[in-house]
Amino acid sequence: MITLVTALHILVCIFLILIILLQAGKGGGMGSAFGGAGAQTVFGGRGAQTFLGKVTSVSAFIFMLTSLTLAYNSSKTRSVLDAHAAAEQTAPAPAAPPAPVSAPAAPAPAR
């Protein structure tokens, strides 16, 4: 599940960057370089800015939602060091080695 949210977050991030670059600023912006000025005739005089503004707002909302989800999820996970320390505490203690078998003091008589 978190992999899906991460992938969505990356896609929305790239999409948001592109949408912001396409918007025409006071100086024309990158939108006019990629044909954004022609989009004004498709959406009307102010329609392109309004449409791009709405797409930007929705993209920003999705970006913030995925950012909060990823931050919340990362705060709930345990660190590697905590997991290692917990595993050491719950591991059973090594068993004591068996007592050494004593050898006879004298060899057994031959028959």
N, C-alpha and C. Protein backbone atom coordinates (compact mmCIF):
# COMPACT_ATOMS: atom_id res chain seq x y z
N MET A 1 0.83 -1.19 0.00
CA MET A 1 0.00 0.00 0.00
C MET A 1 0.87 1.26 0.00
N ILE A 2 1.92 1.23 0.83
CA ILE A 2 2.77 2.41 0.92
C ILE A 2 3.55 2.61 -0.37
N THR A 3 3.82 1.53 -1.09
CA THR A 3 4.51 1.64 -2.37
C THR A 3 3.61 2.36 -3.39
N LEU A 4 2.32 2.07 -3.35
CA LEU A 4 1.37 2.74 -4.23
C LEU A 4 1.30 4.24 -3.92
N VAL A 5 1.27 4.57 -2.64
CA VAL A 5 1.22 5.99 -2.25
C VAL A 5 2.51 6.71 -2.67
N THR A 6 3.64 6.03 -2.53
CA THR A 6 4.92 6.63 -2.93
C THR A 6 4.96 6.87 -4.44
N ALA A 7 4.51 5.88 -5.21
CA ALA A 7 4.48 6.04 -6.67
C ALA A 7 3.54 7.17 -7.08
N LEU A 8 2.36 7.24 -6.45
CA LEU A 8 1.41 8.32 -6.74
C LEU A 8 2.02 9.68 -6.38
N HIS A 9 2.72 9.73 -5.27
CA HIS A 9 3.35 10.97 -4.83
C HIS A 9 4.38 11.46 -5.85
N ILE A 10 5.18 10.56 -6.36
CA ILE A 10 6.20 10.94 -7.35
C ILE A 10 5.54 11.40 -8.65
N LEU A 11 4.51 10.68 -9.10
CA LEU A 11 3.82 11.08 -10.33
C LEU A 11 3.15 12.45 -10.19
N VAL A 12 2.49 12.67 -9.07
CA VAL A 12 1.83 13.96 -8.85
C VAL A 12 2.86 15.07 -8.74
N CYS A 13 4.00 14.78 -8.15
CA CYS A 13 5.06 15.79 -8.04
C CYS A 13 5.55 16.22 -9.42
N ILE A 14 5.81 15.26 -10.28
CA ILE A 14 6.26 15.58 -11.64
C ILE A 14 5.17 16.32 -12.41
N PHE A 15 3.92 15.86 -12.28
CA PHE A 15 2.81 16.52 -12.96
C PHE A 15 2.63 17.95 -12.46
N LEU A 16 2.78 18.15 -11.15
CA LEU A 16 2.62 19.49 -10.59
C LEU A 16 3.71 20.43 -11.09
N ILE A 17 4.92 19.93 -11.21
CA ILE A 17 6.01 20.76 -11.75
C ILE A 17 5.70 21.19 -13.18
N LEU A 18 5.23 20.23 -13.99
CA LEU A 18 4.92 20.56 -15.39
C LEU A 18 3.76 21.54 -15.50
N ILE A 19 2.72 21.35 -14.71
CA ILE A 19 1.56 22.25 -14.76
C ILE A 19 1.95 23.66 -14.35
N ILE A 20 2.78 23.78 -13.33
CA ILE A 20 3.20 25.11 -12.89
C ILE A 20 4.05 25.79 -13.95
N LEU A 21 4.90 25.01 -14.63
CA LEU A 21 5.72 25.61 -15.68
C LEU A 21 4.89 26.03 -16.89
N LEU A 22 3.75 25.38 -17.12
CA LEU A 22 2.92 25.74 -18.26
C LEU A 22 2.08 26.99 -18.04
N GLN A 23 1.90 27.39 -16.79
CA GLN A 23 1.07 28.56 -16.53
C GLN A 23 1.78 29.83 -16.98
N ALA A 24 1.00 30.69 -17.58
CA ALA A 24 1.55 31.96 -18.06
C ALA A 24 1.62 32.94 -16.91
N GLY A 25 2.82 33.43 -16.65
CA GLY A 25 3.01 34.43 -15.61
C GLY A 25 2.88 35.82 -16.21
N LYS A 26 3.39 36.82 -15.51
CA LYS A 26 3.32 38.19 -16.01
C LYS A 26 4.14 38.36 -17.27
N GLY A 27 5.24 37.60 -17.36
CA GLY A 27 6.10 37.71 -18.51
C GLY A 27 5.80 36.67 -19.59
N GLY A 28 4.73 35.97 -19.49
CA GLY A 28 4.40 34.96 -20.49
C GLY A 28 4.71 33.56 -19.99
N GLY A 29 5.81 33.40 -19.28
CA GLY A 29 6.17 32.11 -18.70
C GLY A 29 6.50 31.06 -19.74
N MET A 30 6.65 29.85 -19.29
CA MET A 30 6.97 28.73 -20.17
C MET A 30 5.74 28.28 -20.94
N GLY A 31 4.56 28.68 -20.49
CA GLY A 31 3.33 28.28 -21.16
C GLY A 31 3.27 28.73 -22.61
N SER A 32 3.74 29.92 -22.88
CA SER A 32 3.71 30.41 -24.26
C SER A 32 4.76 29.73 -25.11
N ALA A 33 5.83 29.24 -24.50
CA ALA A 33 6.88 28.58 -25.27
C ALA A 33 6.41 27.22 -25.80
N PHE A 34 5.52 26.56 -25.06
CA PHE A 34 5.03 25.25 -25.47
C PHE A 34 3.62 25.30 -26.05
N GLY A 35 3.20 26.45 -26.52
CA GLY A 35 1.89 26.55 -27.15
C GLY A 35 0.77 26.89 -26.19
N GLY A 36 1.11 27.37 -25.01
CA GLY A 36 0.09 27.73 -24.02
C GLY A 36 -0.74 28.93 -24.45
N ALA A 37 -0.17 29.79 -25.28
CA ALA A 37 -0.92 30.96 -25.73
C ALA A 37 -2.06 30.55 -26.65
N GLY A 38 -1.86 29.48 -27.42
CA GLY A 38 -2.92 28.99 -28.28
C GLY A 38 -4.05 28.34 -27.49
N ALA A 39 -3.78 27.92 -26.26
CA ALA A 39 -4.81 27.30 -25.43
C ALA A 39 -5.83 28.33 -24.98
N GLN A 40 -5.49 29.61 -25.03
CA GLN A 40 -6.45 30.63 -24.62
C GLN A 40 -7.63 30.66 -25.59
N THR A 41 -7.40 30.35 -26.84
CA THR A 41 -8.52 30.34 -27.78
C THR A 41 -9.40 29.11 -27.58
N VAL A 42 -8.82 28.02 -27.09
CA VAL A 42 -9.61 26.81 -26.85
C VAL A 42 -10.50 26.98 -25.63
N PHE A 43 -9.95 27.51 -24.54
CA PHE A 43 -10.69 27.63 -23.29
C PHE A 43 -11.33 29.01 -23.11
N GLY A 44 -11.14 29.91 -24.02
CA GLY A 44 -11.67 31.25 -23.88
C GLY A 44 -10.57 32.20 -23.45
N GLY A 45 -10.91 33.45 -23.27
CA GLY A 45 -9.92 34.46 -22.91
C GLY A 45 -9.26 34.20 -21.57
N ARG A 46 -10.04 33.90 -20.53
CA ARG A 46 -9.50 33.61 -19.21
C ARG A 46 -9.64 32.12 -18.86
N GLY A 47 -10.20 31.36 -19.78
CA GLY A 47 -10.48 29.95 -19.50
C GLY A 47 -9.24 29.11 -19.28
N ALA A 48 -8.16 29.37 -19.99
CA ALA A 48 -6.95 28.57 -19.85
C ALA A 48 -6.34 28.78 -18.47
N GLN A 49 -6.30 29.99 -18.01
CA GLN A 49 -5.74 30.26 -16.69
C GLN A 49 -6.62 29.65 -15.61
N THR A 50 -7.91 29.74 -15.78
CA THR A 50 -8.82 29.17 -14.79
C THR A 50 -8.70 27.65 -14.79
N PHE A 51 -8.64 27.04 -15.96
CA PHE A 51 -8.52 25.59 -16.05
C PHE A 51 -7.19 25.12 -15.46
N LEU A 52 -6.09 25.79 -15.84
CA LEU A 52 -4.79 25.41 -15.29
C LEU A 52 -4.71 25.68 -13.79
N GLY A 53 -5.38 26.71 -13.34
CA GLY A 53 -5.43 27.00 -11.90
C GLY A 53 -6.15 25.90 -11.13
N LYS A 54 -7.26 25.41 -11.70
CA LYS A 54 -8.00 24.34 -11.04
C LYS A 54 -7.20 23.03 -11.03
N VAL A 55 -6.54 22.73 -12.14
CA VAL A 55 -5.71 21.52 -12.21
C VAL A 55 -4.56 21.62 -11.21
N THR A 56 -3.99 22.81 -11.09
CA THR A 56 -2.90 23.02 -10.12
C THR A 56 -3.39 22.83 -8.70
N SER A 57 -4.58 23.36 -8.40
CA SER A 57 -5.13 23.23 -7.05
C SER A 57 -5.41 21.77 -6.70
N VAL A 58 -5.98 21.01 -7.62
CA VAL A 58 -6.26 19.60 -7.37
C VAL A 58 -4.96 18.82 -7.22
N SER A 59 -3.98 19.11 -8.05
CA SER A 59 -2.69 18.43 -7.96
C SER A 59 -1.99 18.76 -6.64
N ALA A 60 -2.06 20.01 -6.23
CA ALA A 60 -1.45 20.41 -4.96
C ALA A 60 -2.13 19.72 -3.78
N PHE A 61 -3.45 19.58 -3.84
CA PHE A 61 -4.18 18.89 -2.78
C PHE A 61 -3.76 17.42 -2.70
N ILE A 62 -3.67 16.76 -3.83
CA ILE A 62 -3.25 15.35 -3.85
C ILE A 62 -1.81 15.23 -3.36
N PHE A 63 -0.95 16.17 -3.75
CA PHE A 63 0.44 16.16 -3.29
C PHE A 63 0.52 16.31 -1.78
N MET A 64 -0.26 17.21 -1.21
CA MET A 64 -0.24 17.40 0.24
C MET A 64 -0.81 16.18 0.96
N LEU A 65 -1.84 15.58 0.40
CA LEU A 65 -2.44 14.39 1.00
C LEU A 65 -1.45 13.22 1.02
N THR A 66 -0.77 13.00 -0.09
CA THR A 66 0.22 11.92 -0.12
C THR A 66 1.42 12.24 0.77
N SER A 67 1.79 13.51 0.86
CA SER A 67 2.90 13.90 1.75
C SER A 67 2.55 13.61 3.21
N LEU A 68 1.36 13.97 3.62
CA LEU A 68 0.93 13.71 5.00
C LEU A 68 0.82 12.21 5.27
N THR A 69 0.33 11.45 4.29
CA THR A 69 0.23 10.01 4.46
C THR A 69 1.60 9.37 4.62
N LEU A 70 2.55 9.77 3.80
CA LEU A 70 3.90 9.23 3.90
C LEU A 70 4.59 9.64 5.21
N ALA A 71 4.36 10.88 5.65
CA ALA A 71 4.96 11.33 6.91
C ALA A 71 4.36 10.58 8.10
N TYR A 72 3.06 10.37 8.08
CA TYR A 72 2.40 9.64 9.16
C TYR A 72 2.88 8.20 9.20
N ASN A 73 3.00 7.59 8.05
CA ASN A 73 3.43 6.20 7.98
C ASN A 73 4.88 6.05 8.45
N SER A 74 5.74 6.99 8.11
CA SER A 74 7.14 6.88 8.52
C SER A 74 7.30 7.12 10.02
N SER A 75 6.39 7.86 10.64
CA SER A 75 6.49 8.09 12.08
C SER A 75 6.02 6.87 12.87
N LYS A 76 5.24 6.00 12.26
CA LYS A 76 4.73 4.82 12.95
C LYS A 76 5.64 3.61 12.82
N THR A 77 6.63 3.66 11.97
CA THR A 77 7.51 2.51 11.80
C THR A 77 8.65 2.58 12.81
N ARG A 78 9.15 1.41 13.19
CA ARG A 78 10.27 1.36 14.12
C ARG A 78 11.57 1.46 13.35
N SER A 79 12.56 2.00 14.00
CA SER A 79 13.85 2.10 13.34
C SER A 79 14.54 0.74 13.37
N VAL A 80 15.54 0.59 12.58
CA VAL A 80 16.29 -0.66 12.50
C VAL A 80 17.00 -0.93 13.82
N LEU A 81 17.51 0.11 14.46
CA LEU A 81 18.21 -0.07 15.73
C LEU A 81 17.26 -0.53 16.83
N ASP A 82 16.04 0.01 16.86
CA ASP A 82 15.06 -0.43 17.84
C ASP A 82 14.68 -1.89 17.63
N ALA A 83 14.50 -2.28 16.39
CA ALA A 83 14.14 -3.66 16.09
C ALA A 83 15.27 -4.61 16.47
N HIS A 84 16.51 -4.19 16.24
CA HIS A 84 17.67 -5.03 16.59
C HIS A 84 17.80 -5.16 18.10
N ALA A 85 17.59 -4.08 18.85
CA ALA A 85 17.68 -4.12 20.30
C ALA A 85 16.57 -5.00 20.88
N ALA A 86 15.38 -4.92 20.33
CA ALA A 86 14.28 -5.75 20.81
C ALA A 86 14.54 -7.22 20.52
N ALA A 87 15.17 -7.52 19.40
CA ALA A 87 15.47 -8.91 19.07
C ALA A 87 16.53 -9.47 20.01
N GLU A 88 17.48 -8.63 20.42
CA GLU A 88 18.51 -9.10 21.35
C GLU A 88 17.93 -9.35 22.73
N GLN A 89 16.96 -8.55 23.15
CA GLN A 89 16.38 -8.72 24.47
C GLN A 89 15.50 -9.97 24.55
N THR A 90 14.84 -10.31 23.46
CA THR A 90 13.95 -11.47 23.48
C THR A 90 14.66 -12.76 23.11
N ALA A 91 15.91 -12.71 22.68
CA ALA A 91 16.64 -13.92 22.30
C ALA A 91 16.95 -14.73 23.57
N PRO A 92 16.81 -16.05 23.51
CA PRO A 92 17.11 -16.85 24.70
C PRO A 92 18.60 -16.85 24.98
N ALA A 93 18.93 -16.96 26.27
CA ALA A 93 20.34 -16.98 26.66
C ALA A 93 20.95 -18.29 26.20
N PRO A 94 22.21 -18.26 25.81
CA PRO A 94 22.84 -19.51 25.37
C PRO A 94 22.91 -20.50 26.53
N ALA A 95 22.70 -21.77 26.22
CA ALA A 95 22.73 -22.81 27.25
C ALA A 95 24.15 -23.01 27.74
N ALA A 96 24.28 -23.40 29.01
CA ALA A 96 25.61 -23.65 29.58
C ALA A 96 26.21 -24.88 28.93
N PRO A 97 27.49 -24.85 28.67
CA PRO A 97 28.11 -26.03 28.05
C PRO A 97 28.02 -27.23 29.00
N PRO A 98 27.91 -28.42 28.45
CA PRO A 98 27.82 -29.59 29.33
C PRO A 98 29.11 -29.78 30.11
N ALA A 99 28.98 -30.40 31.28
CA ALA A 99 30.15 -30.62 32.13
C ALA A 99 31.10 -31.58 31.42
N PRO A 100 32.39 -31.32 31.50
CA PRO A 100 33.33 -32.21 30.82
C PRO A 100 33.34 -33.60 31.47
N VAL A 101 33.45 -34.59 30.66
CA VAL A 101 33.51 -35.97 31.14
C VAL A 101 34.94 -36.23 31.59
N SER A 102 35.08 -36.68 32.85
CA SER A 102 36.44 -36.91 33.37
C SER A 102 36.94 -38.27 32.88
N ALA A 103 38.14 -38.29 32.51
CA ALA A 103 38.78 -39.52 32.04
C ALA A 103 39.27 -40.33 33.24
N PRO A 104 39.31 -41.65 33.13
CA PRO A 104 39.81 -42.43 34.26
C PRO A 104 41.30 -42.11 34.53
N ALA A 105 41.67 -42.21 35.78
CA ALA A 105 43.04 -41.87 36.16
C ALA A 105 44.03 -42.90 35.63
N ALA A 106 43.63 -44.15 35.61
CA ALA A 106 44.53 -45.18 35.14
C ALA A 106 43.87 -45.94 34.00
N PRO A 107 44.65 -46.41 33.08
CA PRO A 107 44.05 -47.14 31.98
C PRO A 107 43.45 -48.46 32.48
N ALA A 108 42.45 -48.90 31.78
CA ALA A 108 41.80 -50.16 32.17
C ALA A 108 42.76 -51.32 31.95
N PRO A 109 42.74 -52.37 32.84
CA PRO A 109 43.64 -53.50 32.66
C PRO A 109 43.30 -54.29 31.41
N ALA A 110 44.30 -54.76 30.77
CA ALA A 110 44.12 -55.54 29.55
C ALA A 110 43.71 -56.96 29.90
N ARG A 111 42.88 -57.64 29.20
CA ARG A 111 42.46 -59.01 29.49
C ARG A 111 43.08 -59.98 28.59
